C-alpha cells in the first residue's frame, strides 16, 4: 500500500528525488518484512532461536528507523530524521549478521 501511495498519491506533490527516497523506504520495508517472515519460519528449525529472536528485534528496529525516517523526511518538513536513517541501516545489517550467525552456529554443531 505504501508503494501505491508513493507512486500515485505523491506524484506531483513531492519532488522526483522525494519519490525516489520514498520508494527506497518502501523497498527496504518490504524486503525486511519478508526477512521477519523468514526468521519466523527458521525459528521452527534447529537454528539458534535466541539469535533469531534478537535478529527479529533488529529487523523491526531497522524498519522503523530506516524506512520510518525516510517516510518522515519525504512527507514532512522535518529534517532531524536524516541522521536516524543510517542507524536504521546498521540495525538491518546486524539483523542479517545474526541470521547468518544462527546458521553458522547450527552448522558447527552438526
N, C-alpha and C. Protein backbone atom coordinates (compact mmCIF):
# COMPACT_ATOMS: atom_id res chain seq x y z
N UNK A 1 0.82 -1.19 0.00
CA UNK A 1 0.00 0.00 0.00
C UNK A 1 0.87 1.25 0.00
N UNK A 2 1.98 1.19 0.73
CA UNK A 2 2.85 2.36 0.77
C UNK A 2 3.42 2.65 -0.61
N UNK A 3 3.77 1.60 -1.33
CA UNK A 3 4.29 1.77 -2.69
C UNK A 3 3.27 2.40 -3.61
N UNK A 4 2.03 1.95 -3.53
CA UNK A 4 0.97 2.52 -4.37
C UNK A 4 0.72 3.98 -3.99
N UNK A 5 0.74 4.25 -2.69
CA UNK A 5 0.56 5.63 -2.23
C UNK A 5 1.67 6.52 -2.80
N UNK A 6 2.90 6.03 -2.73
CA UNK A 6 4.02 6.81 -3.25
C UNK A 6 3.93 7.01 -4.75
N UNK A 7 3.57 5.94 -5.45
CA UNK A 7 3.52 6.01 -6.92
C UNK A 7 2.39 6.89 -7.42
N UNK A 8 1.26 6.86 -6.73
CA UNK A 8 0.09 7.58 -7.24
C UNK A 8 -0.27 8.81 -6.42
N UNK A 9 -0.19 8.69 -5.11
CA UNK A 9 -0.62 9.79 -4.25
C UNK A 9 0.39 10.90 -4.10
N UNK A 10 1.67 10.58 -4.28
CA UNK A 10 2.70 11.60 -4.07
C UNK A 10 3.19 12.25 -5.36
N UNK A 11 2.88 11.65 -6.49
CA UNK A 11 3.34 12.22 -7.76
C UNK A 11 2.74 13.61 -7.93
N UNK A 12 3.59 14.57 -8.17
CA UNK A 12 3.15 15.96 -8.31
C UNK A 12 3.08 16.70 -6.98
N UNK A 13 3.20 15.95 -5.88
CA UNK A 13 3.15 16.57 -4.55
C UNK A 13 4.57 16.76 -4.01
N UNK A 14 5.41 15.77 -4.24
CA UNK A 14 6.81 15.86 -3.81
C UNK A 14 7.71 15.80 -5.04
N UNK A 15 8.95 16.17 -4.85
CA UNK A 15 9.91 16.19 -5.96
C UNK A 15 10.22 14.77 -6.43
N UNK A 16 10.86 14.67 -7.58
CA UNK A 16 11.30 13.36 -8.09
C UNK A 16 12.24 12.70 -7.10
N UNK A 17 13.12 13.49 -6.51
CA UNK A 17 14.05 12.95 -5.50
C UNK A 17 13.26 12.42 -4.31
N UNK A 18 12.23 13.14 -3.90
CA UNK A 18 11.38 12.69 -2.80
C UNK A 18 10.71 11.36 -3.12
N UNK A 19 10.26 11.20 -4.37
CA UNK A 19 9.67 9.93 -4.79
C UNK A 19 10.68 8.80 -4.74
N UNK A 20 11.93 9.08 -5.13
CA UNK A 20 12.99 8.07 -5.07
C UNK A 20 13.25 7.65 -3.63
N UNK A 21 13.33 8.62 -2.75
CA UNK A 21 13.59 8.34 -1.34
C UNK A 21 12.43 7.53 -0.75
N UNK A 22 11.20 7.90 -1.09
CA UNK A 22 10.03 7.18 -0.61
C UNK A 22 10.06 5.74 -1.12
N UNK A 23 10.42 5.55 -2.38
CA UNK A 23 10.50 4.21 -2.96
C UNK A 23 11.58 3.38 -2.28
N UNK A 24 12.69 4.00 -1.92
CA UNK A 24 13.74 3.30 -1.18
C UNK A 24 13.20 2.81 0.16
N UNK A 25 12.46 3.66 0.85
CA UNK A 25 11.87 3.28 2.14
C UNK A 25 10.91 2.10 1.97
N UNK A 26 10.08 2.16 0.94
CA UNK A 26 9.12 1.09 0.68
C UNK A 26 9.87 -0.22 0.37
N UNK A 27 10.88 -0.14 -0.45
CA UNK A 27 11.63 -1.34 -0.85
C UNK A 27 12.28 -2.00 0.36
N UNK A 28 12.96 -1.22 1.18
CA UNK A 28 13.62 -1.79 2.35
C UNK A 28 12.61 -2.31 3.36
N UNK A 29 11.49 -1.64 3.50
CA UNK A 29 10.45 -2.12 4.40
C UNK A 29 9.94 -3.48 3.92
N UNK A 30 9.71 -3.61 2.64
CA UNK A 30 9.19 -4.86 2.09
C UNK A 30 10.20 -6.00 2.24
N UNK A 31 11.45 -5.76 1.86
CA UNK A 31 12.46 -6.82 1.97
C UNK A 31 12.60 -7.29 3.42
N UNK A 32 12.61 -6.35 4.34
CA UNK A 32 12.86 -6.73 5.71
C UNK A 32 11.61 -7.24 6.42
N UNK A 33 10.44 -6.95 5.88
CA UNK A 33 9.23 -7.61 6.35
C UNK A 33 9.28 -9.09 5.94
N UNK A 34 9.77 -9.34 4.74
CA UNK A 34 9.98 -10.73 4.31
C UNK A 34 11.05 -11.41 5.16
N UNK A 35 12.07 -10.66 5.55
CA UNK A 35 13.10 -11.22 6.43
C UNK A 35 12.50 -11.63 7.77
N UNK A 36 11.56 -10.85 8.28
CA UNK A 36 10.89 -11.22 9.53
C UNK A 36 10.11 -12.52 9.37
N UNK A 37 9.48 -12.69 8.23
CA UNK A 37 8.77 -13.95 7.97
C UNK A 37 9.76 -15.11 7.89
N UNK A 38 10.90 -14.89 7.22
CA UNK A 38 11.94 -15.90 7.14
C UNK A 38 12.43 -16.29 8.53
N UNK A 39 12.68 -15.29 9.38
CA UNK A 39 13.14 -15.57 10.74
C UNK A 39 12.09 -16.38 11.50
N UNK A 40 10.84 -16.04 11.30
CA UNK A 40 9.76 -16.78 11.95
C UNK A 40 9.77 -18.25 11.51
N UNK A 41 9.93 -18.46 10.22
CA UNK A 41 9.97 -19.83 9.70
C UNK A 41 11.21 -20.58 10.19
N UNK A 42 12.35 -19.89 10.24
CA UNK A 42 13.59 -20.53 10.69
C UNK A 42 13.55 -20.86 12.17
N UNK A 43 12.72 -20.16 12.93
CA UNK A 43 12.63 -20.43 14.37
C UNK A 43 12.11 -21.83 14.65
N UNK A 44 11.43 -22.41 13.69
CA UNK A 44 10.93 -23.78 13.83
C UNK A 44 11.94 -24.83 13.44
N UNK A 45 13.14 -24.42 13.11
CA UNK A 45 14.19 -25.36 12.72
C UNK A 45 15.17 -25.54 13.88
N UNK A 46 16.27 -26.18 13.61
CA UNK A 46 17.28 -26.43 14.65
C UNK A 46 18.23 -25.25 14.83
N UNK A 47 17.95 -24.12 14.17
CA UNK A 47 18.83 -22.96 14.33
C UNK A 47 18.66 -22.34 15.71
N UNK A 48 19.62 -21.55 16.10
CA UNK A 48 19.61 -20.91 17.41
C UNK A 48 18.46 -19.91 17.49
N UNK A 49 17.43 -20.25 18.24
CA UNK A 49 16.23 -19.42 18.33
C UNK A 49 16.52 -18.09 19.01
N UNK A 50 17.41 -18.10 19.97
CA UNK A 50 17.75 -16.85 20.68
C UNK A 50 18.33 -15.83 19.69
N UNK A 51 19.27 -16.27 18.85
CA UNK A 51 19.85 -15.36 17.85
C UNK A 51 18.80 -14.91 16.84
N UNK A 52 17.91 -15.81 16.46
CA UNK A 52 16.86 -15.45 15.51
C UNK A 52 15.90 -14.43 16.13
N UNK A 53 15.56 -14.60 17.40
CA UNK A 53 14.68 -13.64 18.06
C UNK A 53 15.33 -12.26 18.15
N UNK A 54 16.61 -12.25 18.46
CA UNK A 54 17.31 -10.96 18.53
C UNK A 54 17.37 -10.34 17.14
N UNK A 55 17.59 -11.15 16.12
CA UNK A 55 17.63 -10.62 14.75
C UNK A 55 16.28 -10.01 14.38
N UNK A 56 15.19 -10.64 14.81
CA UNK A 56 13.85 -10.08 14.53
C UNK A 56 13.70 -8.71 15.17
N UNK A 57 14.23 -8.54 16.36
CA UNK A 57 14.19 -7.23 17.01
C UNK A 57 14.98 -6.20 16.24
N UNK A 58 16.14 -6.59 15.75
CA UNK A 58 16.95 -5.66 14.95
C UNK A 58 16.27 -5.33 13.62
N UNK A 59 15.65 -6.32 12.99
CA UNK A 59 14.92 -6.05 11.75
C UNK A 59 13.77 -5.07 12.00
N UNK A 60 13.05 -5.29 13.07
CA UNK A 60 11.93 -4.40 13.39
C UNK A 60 12.42 -2.99 13.66
N UNK A 61 13.45 -2.87 14.48
CA UNK A 61 14.02 -1.55 14.77
C UNK A 61 14.55 -0.91 13.48
N UNK A 62 15.18 -1.70 12.65
CA UNK A 62 15.73 -1.18 11.40
C UNK A 62 14.65 -0.67 10.47
N UNK A 63 13.55 -1.41 10.36
CA UNK A 63 12.44 -0.96 9.51
C UNK A 63 11.90 0.36 10.04
N UNK A 64 11.67 0.41 11.34
CA UNK A 64 11.11 1.64 11.93
C UNK A 64 12.06 2.83 11.76
N UNK A 65 13.34 2.61 12.04
CA UNK A 65 14.29 3.71 11.98
C UNK A 65 14.66 4.09 10.55
N UNK A 66 14.96 3.09 9.71
CA UNK A 66 15.39 3.37 8.34
C UNK A 66 14.22 3.87 7.50
N UNK A 67 13.24 3.00 7.30
CA UNK A 67 12.10 3.38 6.44
C UNK A 67 11.30 4.50 7.08
N UNK A 68 11.09 4.40 8.38
CA UNK A 68 10.31 5.44 9.07
C UNK A 68 10.92 6.82 8.94
N UNK A 69 12.23 6.91 9.09
CA UNK A 69 12.88 8.22 8.98
C UNK A 69 12.80 8.75 7.54
N UNK A 70 12.91 7.85 6.57
CA UNK A 70 12.78 8.29 5.18
C UNK A 70 11.36 8.76 4.87
N UNK A 71 10.36 8.04 5.39
CA UNK A 71 8.98 8.49 5.21
C UNK A 71 8.79 9.88 5.82
N UNK A 72 9.32 10.08 7.01
CA UNK A 72 9.19 11.39 7.66
C UNK A 72 9.88 12.49 6.86
N UNK A 73 11.05 12.18 6.33
CA UNK A 73 11.78 13.18 5.53
C UNK A 73 10.98 13.60 4.30
N UNK A 74 10.34 12.65 3.66
CA UNK A 74 9.60 12.93 2.43
C UNK A 74 8.26 13.59 2.73
N UNK A 75 7.57 13.13 3.75
CA UNK A 75 6.20 13.55 3.98
C UNK A 75 6.04 14.77 4.90
N UNK A 76 7.11 15.16 5.57
CA UNK A 76 7.02 16.32 6.47
C UNK A 76 8.16 17.28 6.16
N UNK A 77 8.17 18.38 6.83
CA UNK A 77 9.26 19.34 6.67
C UNK A 77 10.35 19.13 7.72
N UNK A 78 10.23 18.03 8.48
CA UNK A 78 11.24 17.72 9.50
C UNK A 78 12.56 17.36 8.84
N UNK A 79 13.65 17.80 9.45
CA UNK A 79 14.97 17.43 8.95
C UNK A 79 15.73 16.54 9.94
N UNK A 80 15.28 16.51 11.20
CA UNK A 80 16.00 15.73 12.21
C UNK A 80 16.03 14.23 11.94
N UNK A 81 15.06 13.65 11.19
CA UNK A 81 15.15 12.20 10.97
C UNK A 81 16.32 11.78 10.08
N UNK A 82 16.92 12.71 9.35
CA UNK A 82 18.02 12.36 8.45
C UNK A 82 19.13 11.56 9.11
N UNK A 83 19.65 12.00 10.25
CA UNK A 83 20.72 11.23 10.90
C UNK A 83 20.26 9.89 11.49
N UNK A 84 18.96 9.68 11.60
CA UNK A 84 18.44 8.42 12.14
C UNK A 84 18.53 7.31 11.10
N UNK A 85 18.45 7.67 9.84
CA UNK A 85 18.41 6.69 8.75
C UNK A 85 19.60 5.72 8.79
N UNK A 86 20.84 6.19 8.92
CA UNK A 86 21.96 5.24 8.97
C UNK A 86 21.90 4.30 10.17
N UNK A 87 21.38 4.77 11.29
CA UNK A 87 21.23 3.91 12.45
C UNK A 87 20.28 2.75 12.13
N UNK A 88 19.22 3.06 11.41
CA UNK A 88 18.29 2.02 10.97
C UNK A 88 18.98 1.03 10.04
N UNK A 89 19.82 1.55 9.14
CA UNK A 89 20.57 0.68 8.23
C UNK A 89 21.50 -0.26 8.98
N UNK A 90 22.13 0.25 10.03
CA UNK A 90 23.00 -0.59 10.85
C UNK A 90 22.18 -1.68 11.53
N UNK A 91 21.00 -1.34 12.03
CA UNK A 91 20.13 -2.34 12.64
C UNK A 91 19.77 -3.45 11.65
N UNK A 92 19.49 -3.07 10.42
CA UNK A 92 19.17 -4.08 9.40
C UNK A 92 20.37 -4.99 9.13
N UNK A 93 21.55 -4.42 9.06
CA UNK A 93 22.75 -5.22 8.83
C UNK A 93 23.03 -6.16 10.00
N UNK A 94 22.83 -5.67 11.23
CA UNK A 94 23.02 -6.52 12.41
C UNK A 94 22.01 -7.67 12.38
N UNK A 95 20.78 -7.38 11.96
CA UNK A 95 19.77 -8.43 11.85
C UNK A 95 20.23 -9.55 10.92
N UNK A 96 20.76 -9.16 9.76
CA UNK A 96 21.25 -10.19 8.82
C UNK A 96 22.45 -10.93 9.39
N UNK A 97 23.34 -10.22 10.06
CA UNK A 97 24.52 -10.87 10.65
C UNK A 97 24.09 -11.91 11.69
N UNK A 98 23.04 -11.60 12.45
CA UNK A 98 22.55 -12.54 13.45
C UNK A 98 21.90 -13.76 12.81
N UNK A 99 21.20 -13.57 11.70
CA UNK A 99 20.61 -14.71 10.99
C UNK A 99 21.74 -15.62 10.49
N UNK A 100 22.78 -15.01 9.93
CA UNK A 100 23.94 -15.79 9.45
C UNK A 100 24.61 -16.50 10.62
N UNK A 101 24.76 -15.79 11.75
CA UNK A 101 25.39 -16.40 12.94
C UNK A 101 24.58 -17.58 13.44
N UNK A 102 23.26 -17.47 13.39
CA UNK A 102 22.41 -18.60 13.81
C UNK A 102 22.64 -19.80 12.90
N UNK A 103 22.82 -19.55 11.62
CA UNK A 103 23.09 -20.64 10.68
C UNK A 103 24.47 -21.24 10.88
N UNK A 104 25.47 -20.38 11.10
CA UNK A 104 26.84 -20.86 11.29
C UNK A 104 26.94 -21.66 12.59
N UNK A 105 26.29 -21.14 13.62
CA UNK A 105 26.32 -21.85 14.91
C UNK A 105 25.70 -23.24 14.75
N UNK A 106 24.63 -23.31 13.98
CA UNK A 106 23.98 -24.61 13.72
C UNK A 106 24.90 -25.50 12.91
N UNK A 107 25.57 -24.94 11.89
CA UNK A 107 26.45 -25.72 11.04
C UNK A 107 27.61 -26.33 11.82
N UNK A 108 28.10 -25.61 12.82
CA UNK A 108 29.21 -26.12 13.61
C UNK A 108 28.79 -27.20 14.58
N UNK A 109 27.51 -27.23 14.95
CA UNK A 109 27.01 -28.27 15.84
C UNK A 109 26.77 -29.58 15.11
N UNK A 110 26.54 -29.51 13.80
CA UNK A 110 26.20 -30.72 13.03
C UNK A 110 27.38 -31.63 12.85
